[in-house]
Amino acid sequence: MSLKFEGKYDEGICSAGSKCDPAEYGIKVTAIQAEPNNCALEDELNLVITYESAENIGNAVWSVQYMVDSVQKRHIVKLGTVEERVSAGVNTFVFHVDKIDVSGVKPSRLANVGLLSATLSTNEGNEVITINIVVQVTKDILVEGKMSDEGHGVPTFIRTIFNPLE
């Protein structure tokens, strides 16, 4: 799986003297951890991203979301935001959510490829980088929190997170 780093900018929203082109920040992602893996889609999520910044960005905001994109409809589940100070050099972003709430998405649309995204933006709202991580979701059977070889138990959706750096 490939990692997609995106930076989007609109010259119309940048103020005089502010940076709009994400390449100007010199962000390089060096490690990504997303856990647990091969578990129920709704389980907790721990995301750790280590990255280097060529610039002192200062106060910034990370936004994390999960997207289910089907032929019929696109569902975006906002997982949360974290405010942090980004300094020149090595930085680590740590995110935790107790549960991924996909209750608003029809089960028939969940067994698909999803996209976990983490977007870093400046306090002024300029997007610095978006890190997209592919999540394959399959329907399976869980018995007491573990996959069943016999097929007996509660049907659930299992997520497999593909680390784009591996």
N, C-alpha and C. Protein backbone atom coordinates (compact mmCIF):
# COMPACT_ATOMS: atom_id res chain seq x y z
N MET A 1 0.84 -1.18 0.00
CA MET A 1 0.00 0.00 0.00
C MET A 1 0.89 1.24 0.00
N SER A 2 0.46 2.21 -0.69
CA SER A 2 1.27 3.43 -0.72
C SER A 2 0.69 4.47 0.22
N LEU A 3 1.54 5.32 0.67
CA LEU A 3 1.15 6.40 1.56
C LEU A 3 0.87 7.61 0.71
N LYS A 4 -0.21 8.28 1.03
CA LYS A 4 -0.54 9.47 0.28
C LYS A 4 -0.45 10.66 1.22
N PHE A 5 0.54 11.46 1.00
CA PHE A 5 0.66 12.71 1.74
C PHE A 5 0.12 13.78 0.82
N GLU A 6 -0.83 14.51 1.29
CA GLU A 6 -1.41 15.57 0.47
C GLU A 6 -1.29 16.88 1.20
N GLY A 7 -1.10 17.92 0.45
CA GLY A 7 -1.18 19.25 0.99
C GLY A 7 -2.02 20.06 0.04
N LYS A 8 -3.00 20.71 0.57
CA LYS A 8 -3.87 21.50 -0.28
C LYS A 8 -3.82 22.94 0.20
N TYR A 9 -3.85 23.84 -0.72
CA TYR A 9 -3.86 25.22 -0.31
C TYR A 9 -4.67 26.04 -1.29
N ASP A 10 -5.16 27.13 -0.80
CA ASP A 10 -5.96 28.05 -1.59
C ASP A 10 -5.38 29.43 -1.34
N GLU A 11 -4.80 30.01 -2.37
CA GLU A 11 -4.15 31.30 -2.18
C GLU A 11 -5.10 32.36 -1.66
N GLY A 12 -6.37 32.16 -1.87
CA GLY A 12 -7.35 33.14 -1.41
C GLY A 12 -7.50 33.21 0.10
N ILE A 13 -7.12 32.13 0.83
CA ILE A 13 -7.31 32.16 2.27
C ILE A 13 -6.04 32.53 3.03
N CYS A 14 -4.92 32.63 2.35
CA CYS A 14 -3.67 32.94 3.02
C CYS A 14 -3.53 34.44 3.22
N SER A 15 -3.10 34.80 4.41
CA SER A 15 -2.89 36.21 4.68
C SER A 15 -1.48 36.60 4.24
N ALA A 16 -1.24 37.87 4.14
CA ALA A 16 0.07 38.36 3.71
C ALA A 16 1.15 37.83 4.64
N GLY A 17 2.17 37.26 4.06
CA GLY A 17 3.29 36.76 4.85
C GLY A 17 3.11 35.36 5.38
N SER A 18 1.92 34.75 5.25
CA SER A 18 1.74 33.39 5.75
C SER A 18 2.04 32.39 4.64
N LYS A 19 2.38 31.19 5.04
CA LYS A 19 2.71 30.16 4.07
C LYS A 19 1.44 29.44 3.65
N CYS A 20 1.33 29.19 2.36
CA CYS A 20 0.18 28.47 1.84
C CYS A 20 0.58 27.13 1.25
N ASP A 21 1.76 27.03 0.70
CA ASP A 21 2.20 25.81 0.06
C ASP A 21 2.75 24.87 1.15
N PRO A 22 2.13 23.69 1.33
CA PRO A 22 2.59 22.77 2.38
C PRO A 22 4.05 22.38 2.25
N ALA A 23 4.58 22.36 1.04
CA ALA A 23 5.99 22.01 0.86
C ALA A 23 6.91 22.99 1.58
N GLU A 24 6.43 24.20 1.81
CA GLU A 24 7.25 25.21 2.49
C GLU A 24 7.51 24.86 3.95
N TYR A 25 6.71 23.97 4.52
CA TYR A 25 6.90 23.59 5.92
C TYR A 25 7.94 22.49 6.09
N GLY A 26 8.25 21.78 5.02
CA GLY A 26 9.26 20.73 5.08
C GLY A 26 8.92 19.60 6.03
N ILE A 27 7.71 19.06 5.95
CA ILE A 27 7.29 17.97 6.82
C ILE A 27 7.71 16.63 6.21
N LYS A 28 8.34 15.79 7.02
CA LYS A 28 8.73 14.44 6.59
C LYS A 28 8.27 13.47 7.67
N VAL A 29 7.35 12.56 7.30
CA VAL A 29 6.83 11.56 8.23
C VAL A 29 7.84 10.42 8.29
N THR A 30 8.25 10.05 9.52
CA THR A 30 9.27 9.02 9.69
C THR A 30 8.72 7.73 10.29
N ALA A 31 7.59 7.79 11.00
CA ALA A 31 7.01 6.57 11.59
C ALA A 31 5.52 6.77 11.83
N ILE A 32 4.77 5.68 11.62
CA ILE A 32 3.33 5.67 11.89
C ILE A 32 3.00 4.38 12.63
N GLN A 33 2.28 4.51 13.73
CA GLN A 33 1.77 3.35 14.46
C GLN A 33 0.27 3.54 14.58
N ALA A 34 -0.49 2.52 14.19
CA ALA A 34 -1.94 2.53 14.34
C ALA A 34 -2.33 1.21 14.97
N GLU A 35 -2.88 1.26 16.18
CA GLU A 35 -3.21 0.05 16.93
C GLU A 35 -4.52 0.23 17.67
N PRO A 36 -5.19 -0.85 18.02
CA PRO A 36 -4.89 -2.22 17.64
C PRO A 36 -5.25 -2.48 16.18
N ASN A 37 -4.74 -3.57 15.67
CA ASN A 37 -4.97 -3.94 14.27
C ASN A 37 -5.60 -5.32 14.24
N ASN A 38 -6.28 -5.64 13.14
CA ASN A 38 -6.98 -6.91 12.98
C ASN A 38 -7.92 -7.15 14.16
N CYS A 39 -8.76 -6.17 14.39
CA CYS A 39 -9.72 -6.19 15.49
C CYS A 39 -11.05 -5.63 14.98
N ALA A 40 -12.03 -5.55 15.86
CA ALA A 40 -13.32 -4.99 15.47
C ALA A 40 -13.14 -3.54 15.01
N LEU A 41 -13.84 -3.17 13.96
CA LEU A 41 -13.76 -1.81 13.41
C LEU A 41 -14.02 -0.77 14.47
N GLU A 42 -14.98 -1.03 15.35
CA GLU A 42 -15.39 -0.05 16.36
C GLU A 42 -14.44 0.07 17.54
N ASP A 43 -13.46 -0.84 17.66
CA ASP A 43 -12.56 -0.83 18.81
C ASP A 43 -11.79 0.48 18.92
N GLU A 44 -11.16 0.67 20.07
CA GLU A 44 -10.35 1.86 20.29
C GLU A 44 -9.30 2.01 19.20
N LEU A 45 -8.80 3.23 19.05
CA LEU A 45 -7.75 3.50 18.08
C LEU A 45 -6.68 4.34 18.74
N ASN A 46 -5.44 3.88 18.61
CA ASN A 46 -4.28 4.61 19.07
C ASN A 46 -3.42 4.90 17.86
N LEU A 47 -3.18 6.16 17.60
CA LEU A 47 -2.42 6.58 16.43
C LEU A 47 -1.24 7.43 16.90
N VAL A 48 -0.04 7.05 16.47
CA VAL A 48 1.16 7.80 16.81
C VAL A 48 1.90 8.08 15.51
N ILE A 49 2.14 9.35 15.22
CA ILE A 49 2.85 9.75 14.01
C ILE A 49 4.08 10.55 14.43
N THR A 50 5.25 10.07 14.02
CA THR A 50 6.49 10.80 14.28
C THR A 50 6.89 11.46 12.96
N TYR A 51 7.23 12.73 13.06
CA TYR A 51 7.56 13.48 11.84
C TYR A 51 8.58 14.56 12.15
N GLU A 52 9.26 14.97 11.10
CA GLU A 52 10.23 16.05 11.20
C GLU A 52 9.66 17.27 10.50
N SER A 53 9.87 18.43 11.10
CA SER A 53 9.44 19.68 10.50
C SER A 53 10.66 20.56 10.30
N ALA A 54 10.81 21.10 9.11
CA ALA A 54 11.93 21.99 8.84
C ALA A 54 11.69 23.36 9.47
N GLU A 55 10.45 23.64 9.83
CA GLU A 55 10.08 24.96 10.36
C GLU A 55 9.42 24.86 11.72
N ASN A 56 9.50 25.91 12.47
CA ASN A 56 8.73 26.05 13.70
C ASN A 56 7.34 26.56 13.29
N ILE A 57 6.37 25.68 13.28
CA ILE A 57 5.01 26.06 12.87
C ILE A 57 4.27 26.72 14.02
N GLY A 58 4.63 26.37 15.24
CA GLY A 58 3.94 26.93 16.40
C GLY A 58 2.69 26.13 16.71
N ASN A 59 1.68 26.80 17.26
CA ASN A 59 0.44 26.12 17.61
C ASN A 59 -0.26 25.63 16.34
N ALA A 60 -0.67 24.38 16.39
CA ALA A 60 -1.31 23.75 15.23
C ALA A 60 -2.37 22.78 15.72
N VAL A 61 -3.14 22.24 14.78
CA VAL A 61 -4.23 21.31 15.12
C VAL A 61 -4.16 20.10 14.20
N TRP A 62 -4.20 18.92 14.81
CA TRP A 62 -4.35 17.67 14.07
C TRP A 62 -5.83 17.28 14.11
N SER A 63 -6.41 16.94 12.97
CA SER A 63 -7.79 16.46 12.89
C SER A 63 -7.74 15.04 12.33
N VAL A 64 -8.47 14.13 12.99
CA VAL A 64 -8.47 12.73 12.57
C VAL A 64 -9.89 12.32 12.21
N GLN A 65 -10.02 11.62 11.08
CA GLN A 65 -11.34 11.15 10.65
C GLN A 65 -11.21 9.80 9.97
N TYR A 66 -12.35 9.10 9.90
CA TYR A 66 -12.44 7.83 9.19
C TYR A 66 -13.50 7.98 8.12
N MET A 67 -13.16 7.60 6.88
CA MET A 67 -14.10 7.76 5.77
C MET A 67 -14.48 6.40 5.20
N VAL A 68 -15.80 6.21 5.05
CA VAL A 68 -16.34 5.06 4.35
C VAL A 68 -16.90 5.60 3.05
N ASP A 69 -16.38 5.11 1.94
CA ASP A 69 -16.80 5.62 0.63
C ASP A 69 -17.40 4.47 -0.17
N SER A 70 -18.71 4.53 -0.37
CA SER A 70 -19.37 3.49 -1.16
C SER A 70 -19.95 4.14 -2.41
N VAL A 71 -20.46 3.30 -3.28
CA VAL A 71 -21.04 3.81 -4.52
C VAL A 71 -22.22 4.73 -4.21
N GLN A 72 -22.98 4.39 -3.18
CA GLN A 72 -24.17 5.15 -2.84
C GLN A 72 -23.88 6.45 -2.07
N LYS A 73 -22.92 6.40 -1.17
CA LYS A 73 -22.73 7.55 -0.30
C LYS A 73 -21.35 7.53 0.35
N ARG A 74 -20.84 8.73 0.65
CA ARG A 74 -19.59 8.88 1.39
C ARG A 74 -19.93 9.29 2.82
N HIS A 75 -19.39 8.53 3.78
CA HIS A 75 -19.61 8.82 5.20
C HIS A 75 -18.28 9.23 5.81
N ILE A 76 -18.26 10.36 6.49
CA ILE A 76 -17.06 10.81 7.18
C ILE A 76 -17.36 10.84 8.67
N VAL A 77 -16.59 10.04 9.41
CA VAL A 77 -16.75 9.95 10.86
C VAL A 77 -15.59 10.72 11.48
N LYS A 78 -15.91 11.86 12.07
CA LYS A 78 -14.88 12.68 12.72
C LYS A 78 -14.51 12.03 14.05
N LEU A 79 -13.24 11.74 14.21
CA LEU A 79 -12.79 11.04 15.41
C LEU A 79 -12.28 11.99 16.48
N GLY A 80 -11.78 13.15 16.09
CA GLY A 80 -11.33 14.11 17.08
C GLY A 80 -10.21 15.00 16.59
N THR A 81 -9.85 15.95 17.44
CA THR A 81 -8.77 16.88 17.14
C THR A 81 -7.83 16.97 18.33
N VAL A 82 -6.60 17.32 18.03
CA VAL A 82 -5.58 17.51 19.08
C VAL A 82 -4.82 18.77 18.74
N GLU A 83 -4.75 19.70 19.69
CA GLU A 83 -3.95 20.91 19.51
C GLU A 83 -2.56 20.63 20.07
N GLU A 84 -1.54 21.03 19.32
CA GLU A 84 -0.18 20.85 19.81
C GLU A 84 0.75 21.87 19.18
N ARG A 85 1.88 22.03 19.80
CA ARG A 85 2.90 22.94 19.29
C ARG A 85 3.85 22.14 18.40
N VAL A 86 4.09 22.64 17.20
CA VAL A 86 4.98 21.97 16.26
C VAL A 86 6.25 22.80 16.14
N SER A 87 7.35 22.23 16.56
CA SER A 87 8.65 22.90 16.53
C SER A 87 9.48 22.36 15.38
N ALA A 88 10.48 23.12 14.98
CA ALA A 88 11.44 22.62 14.00
C ALA A 88 12.14 21.42 14.61
N GLY A 89 12.31 20.36 13.82
CA GLY A 89 12.94 19.14 14.32
C GLY A 89 11.92 18.02 14.42
N VAL A 90 12.20 17.06 15.30
CA VAL A 90 11.36 15.87 15.44
C VAL A 90 10.17 16.17 16.35
N ASN A 91 8.98 15.78 15.90
CA ASN A 91 7.74 15.94 16.65
C ASN A 91 7.00 14.61 16.66
N THR A 92 6.17 14.41 17.68
CA THR A 92 5.35 13.20 17.76
C THR A 92 3.92 13.60 18.06
N PHE A 93 3.01 13.13 17.20
CA PHE A 93 1.58 13.35 17.38
C PHE A 93 0.99 12.06 17.95
N VAL A 94 0.26 12.17 19.07
CA VAL A 94 -0.36 11.03 19.72
C VAL A 94 -1.86 11.27 19.78
N PHE A 95 -2.62 10.28 19.30
CA PHE A 95 -4.09 10.39 19.27
C PHE A 95 -4.69 9.10 19.81
N HIS A 96 -5.75 9.26 20.60
CA HIS A 96 -6.48 8.10 21.13
C HIS A 96 -7.97 8.40 21.09
N VAL A 97 -8.74 7.40 20.69
CA VAL A 97 -10.19 7.46 20.77
C VAL A 97 -10.64 6.10 21.30
N ASP A 98 -11.60 6.12 22.23
CA ASP A 98 -12.07 4.89 22.86
C ASP A 98 -12.85 3.99 21.91
N LYS A 99 -13.49 4.61 20.92
CA LYS A 99 -14.36 3.85 20.03
C LYS A 99 -14.52 4.60 18.72
N ILE A 100 -14.58 3.85 17.62
CA ILE A 100 -14.92 4.44 16.32
C ILE A 100 -16.41 4.20 16.13
N ASP A 101 -17.19 5.25 16.22
CA ASP A 101 -18.65 5.13 16.16
C ASP A 101 -19.13 5.18 14.71
N VAL A 102 -19.43 4.01 14.17
CA VAL A 102 -19.95 3.92 12.80
C VAL A 102 -21.43 3.57 12.81
N SER A 103 -22.11 3.89 13.91
CA SER A 103 -23.54 3.54 14.02
C SER A 103 -24.40 4.24 12.98
N GLY A 104 -23.95 5.35 12.43
CA GLY A 104 -24.72 6.07 11.42
C GLY A 104 -24.50 5.56 10.00
N VAL A 105 -23.70 4.51 9.86
CA VAL A 105 -23.40 3.96 8.54
C VAL A 105 -24.08 2.60 8.40
N LYS A 106 -24.76 2.38 7.28
CA LYS A 106 -25.42 1.10 7.05
C LYS A 106 -24.38 -0.02 7.04
N PRO A 107 -24.64 -1.11 7.73
CA PRO A 107 -23.68 -2.22 7.77
C PRO A 107 -23.27 -2.71 6.39
N SER A 108 -24.16 -2.67 5.43
CA SER A 108 -23.83 -3.14 4.09
C SER A 108 -22.74 -2.30 3.43
N ARG A 109 -22.51 -1.10 3.93
CA ARG A 109 -21.49 -0.21 3.35
C ARG A 109 -20.14 -0.31 4.08
N LEU A 110 -20.13 -0.97 5.23
CA LEU A 110 -18.91 -1.01 6.03
C LEU A 110 -17.86 -1.98 5.50
N ALA A 111 -18.29 -3.12 4.95
CA ALA A 111 -17.34 -4.12 4.45
C ALA A 111 -16.76 -3.62 3.13
N ASN A 112 -15.76 -2.78 3.26
CA ASN A 112 -15.22 -2.07 2.12
C ASN A 112 -13.85 -1.54 2.52
N VAL A 113 -13.22 -0.84 1.64
CA VAL A 113 -11.98 -0.16 1.98
C VAL A 113 -12.35 1.21 2.55
N GLY A 114 -11.76 1.54 3.69
CA GLY A 114 -11.97 2.84 4.31
C GLY A 114 -10.67 3.62 4.32
N LEU A 115 -10.75 4.85 4.79
CA LEU A 115 -9.58 5.71 4.81
C LEU A 115 -9.51 6.44 6.14
N LEU A 116 -8.43 6.19 6.86
CA LEU A 116 -8.14 6.90 8.10
C LEU A 116 -7.24 8.07 7.72
N SER A 117 -7.64 9.29 8.06
CA SER A 117 -6.88 10.48 7.68
C SER A 117 -6.53 11.31 8.91
N ALA A 118 -5.30 11.80 8.92
CA ALA A 118 -4.84 12.73 9.95
C ALA A 118 -4.33 13.97 9.22
N THR A 119 -4.95 15.12 9.52
CA THR A 119 -4.59 16.37 8.85
C THR A 119 -4.01 17.35 9.85
N LEU A 120 -2.84 17.88 9.53
CA LEU A 120 -2.20 18.91 10.35
C LEU A 120 -2.47 20.26 9.70
N SER A 121 -3.01 21.20 10.49
CA SER A 121 -3.29 22.55 10.01
C SER A 121 -2.71 23.56 10.98
N THR A 122 -2.34 24.71 10.45
CA THR A 122 -1.87 25.79 11.31
C THR A 122 -3.06 26.39 12.05
N ASN A 123 -2.79 27.20 13.05
CA ASN A 123 -3.88 27.89 13.77
C ASN A 123 -4.65 28.83 12.86
N GLU A 124 -4.01 29.28 11.78
CA GLU A 124 -4.69 30.16 10.82
C GLU A 124 -5.58 29.37 9.86
N GLY A 125 -5.55 28.04 9.96
CA GLY A 125 -6.39 27.21 9.10
C GLY A 125 -5.72 26.73 7.83
N ASN A 126 -4.43 27.00 7.64
CA ASN A 126 -3.72 26.52 6.46
C ASN A 126 -3.36 25.05 6.66
N GLU A 127 -3.76 24.22 5.72
CA GLU A 127 -3.45 22.80 5.79
C GLU A 127 -1.98 22.59 5.49
N VAL A 128 -1.29 21.88 6.37
CA VAL A 128 0.12 21.60 6.21
C VAL A 128 0.32 20.25 5.51
N ILE A 129 -0.36 19.21 6.02
CA ILE A 129 -0.22 17.87 5.45
C ILE A 129 -1.43 17.02 5.85
N THR A 130 -1.80 16.11 4.96
CA THR A 130 -2.80 15.09 5.27
C THR A 130 -2.16 13.73 5.04
N ILE A 131 -2.25 12.88 6.03
CA ILE A 131 -1.72 11.53 5.94
C ILE A 131 -2.91 10.58 5.83
N ASN A 132 -2.99 9.87 4.71
CA ASN A 132 -4.08 8.93 4.46
C ASN A 132 -3.58 7.51 4.66
N ILE A 133 -4.33 6.75 5.45
CA ILE A 133 -3.97 5.37 5.77
C ILE A 133 -5.14 4.47 5.37
N VAL A 134 -4.87 3.49 4.52
CA VAL A 134 -5.90 2.59 4.02
C VAL A 134 -6.29 1.59 5.12
N VAL A 135 -7.60 1.39 5.26
CA VAL A 135 -8.15 0.43 6.22
C VAL A 135 -9.07 -0.51 5.46
N GLN A 136 -8.73 -1.80 5.43
CA GLN A 136 -9.60 -2.80 4.80
C GLN A 136 -10.54 -3.34 5.88
N VAL A 137 -11.84 -3.34 5.59
CA VAL A 137 -12.83 -3.83 6.55
C VAL A 137 -13.52 -5.04 5.94
N THR A 138 -13.53 -6.14 6.70
CA THR A 138 -14.19 -7.37 6.26
C THR A 138 -15.17 -7.83 7.33
N LYS A 139 -16.17 -8.56 6.90
CA LYS A 139 -17.14 -9.11 7.86
C LYS A 139 -16.61 -10.44 8.34
N ASP A 140 -16.66 -10.65 9.66
CA ASP A 140 -16.15 -11.88 10.24
C ASP A 140 -16.94 -12.20 11.50
N ILE A 141 -16.56 -13.27 12.13
CA ILE A 141 -17.21 -13.73 13.35
C ILE A 141 -16.22 -13.58 14.51
N LEU A 142 -16.68 -12.97 15.60
CA LEU A 142 -15.86 -12.86 16.80
C LEU A 142 -16.49 -13.66 17.93
N VAL A 143 -15.67 -14.38 18.67
CA VAL A 143 -16.11 -15.08 19.86
C VAL A 143 -15.23 -14.61 20.99
N GLU A 144 -15.82 -13.95 21.97
CA GLU A 144 -15.09 -13.41 23.11
C GLU A 144 -13.90 -12.57 22.67
N GLY A 145 -14.13 -11.71 21.68
CA GLY A 145 -13.10 -10.78 21.24
C GLY A 145 -12.07 -11.34 20.29
N LYS A 146 -12.17 -12.65 19.95
CA LYS A 146 -11.20 -13.26 19.03
C LYS A 146 -11.94 -13.86 17.85
N MET A 147 -11.28 -13.89 16.70
CA MET A 147 -11.89 -14.47 15.51
C MET A 147 -12.11 -15.96 15.71
N SER A 148 -13.25 -16.43 15.23
CA SER A 148 -13.62 -17.83 15.39
C SER A 148 -13.30 -18.63 14.14
N ASP A 149 -12.59 -19.74 14.29
CA ASP A 149 -12.31 -20.63 13.17
C ASP A 149 -13.56 -21.42 12.79
N GLU A 150 -14.43 -21.64 13.77
CA GLU A 150 -15.63 -22.44 13.53
C GLU A 150 -16.77 -21.62 12.93
N GLY A 151 -16.68 -20.28 12.96
CA GLY A 151 -17.75 -19.46 12.43
C GLY A 151 -18.91 -19.27 13.39
N HIS A 152 -18.71 -19.59 14.67
CA HIS A 152 -19.77 -19.41 15.67
C HIS A 152 -19.47 -18.16 16.47
N GLY A 153 -20.47 -17.36 16.72
CA GLY A 153 -20.27 -16.16 17.52
C GLY A 153 -21.03 -14.99 16.94
N VAL A 154 -20.58 -13.80 17.25
CA VAL A 154 -21.25 -12.58 16.85
C VAL A 154 -20.62 -12.04 15.57
N PRO A 155 -21.43 -11.82 14.50
CA PRO A 155 -20.85 -11.23 13.29
C PRO A 155 -20.41 -9.79 13.57
N THR A 156 -19.26 -9.44 13.07
CA THR A 156 -18.75 -8.09 13.26
C THR A 156 -17.87 -7.72 12.07
N PHE A 157 -17.45 -6.47 12.05
CA PHE A 157 -16.57 -6.00 10.99
C PHE A 157 -15.16 -5.86 11.55
N ILE A 158 -14.21 -6.46 10.85
CA ILE A 158 -12.82 -6.49 11.28
C ILE A 158 -12.03 -5.49 10.45
N ARG A 159 -11.25 -4.64 11.14
CA ARG A 159 -10.41 -3.67 10.41
C ARG A 159 -8.98 -4.17 10.34
N THR A 160 -8.39 -3.96 9.19
CA THR A 160 -6.97 -4.21 8.99
C THR A 160 -6.37 -2.91 8.48
N ILE A 161 -5.50 -2.33 9.30
CA ILE A 161 -4.88 -1.05 8.98
C ILE A 161 -3.55 -1.33 8.29
N PHE A 162 -3.37 -0.74 7.12
CA PHE A 162 -2.14 -0.93 6.36
C PHE A 162 -1.21 0.26 6.62
N ASN A 163 -0.11 -0.01 7.32
CA ASN A 163 0.86 1.04 7.59
C ASN A 163 1.54 1.41 6.28
N PRO A 164 1.35 2.64 5.82
CA PRO A 164 1.90 3.03 4.53
C PRO A 164 3.41 3.13 4.48
N LEU A 165 4.07 3.09 5.62
CA LEU A 165 5.52 3.18 5.64
C LEU A 165 6.19 1.81 5.64
N GLU A 166 5.39 0.75 5.72
CA GLU A 166 5.96 -0.60 5.75
C GLU A 166 5.88 -1.25 4.40
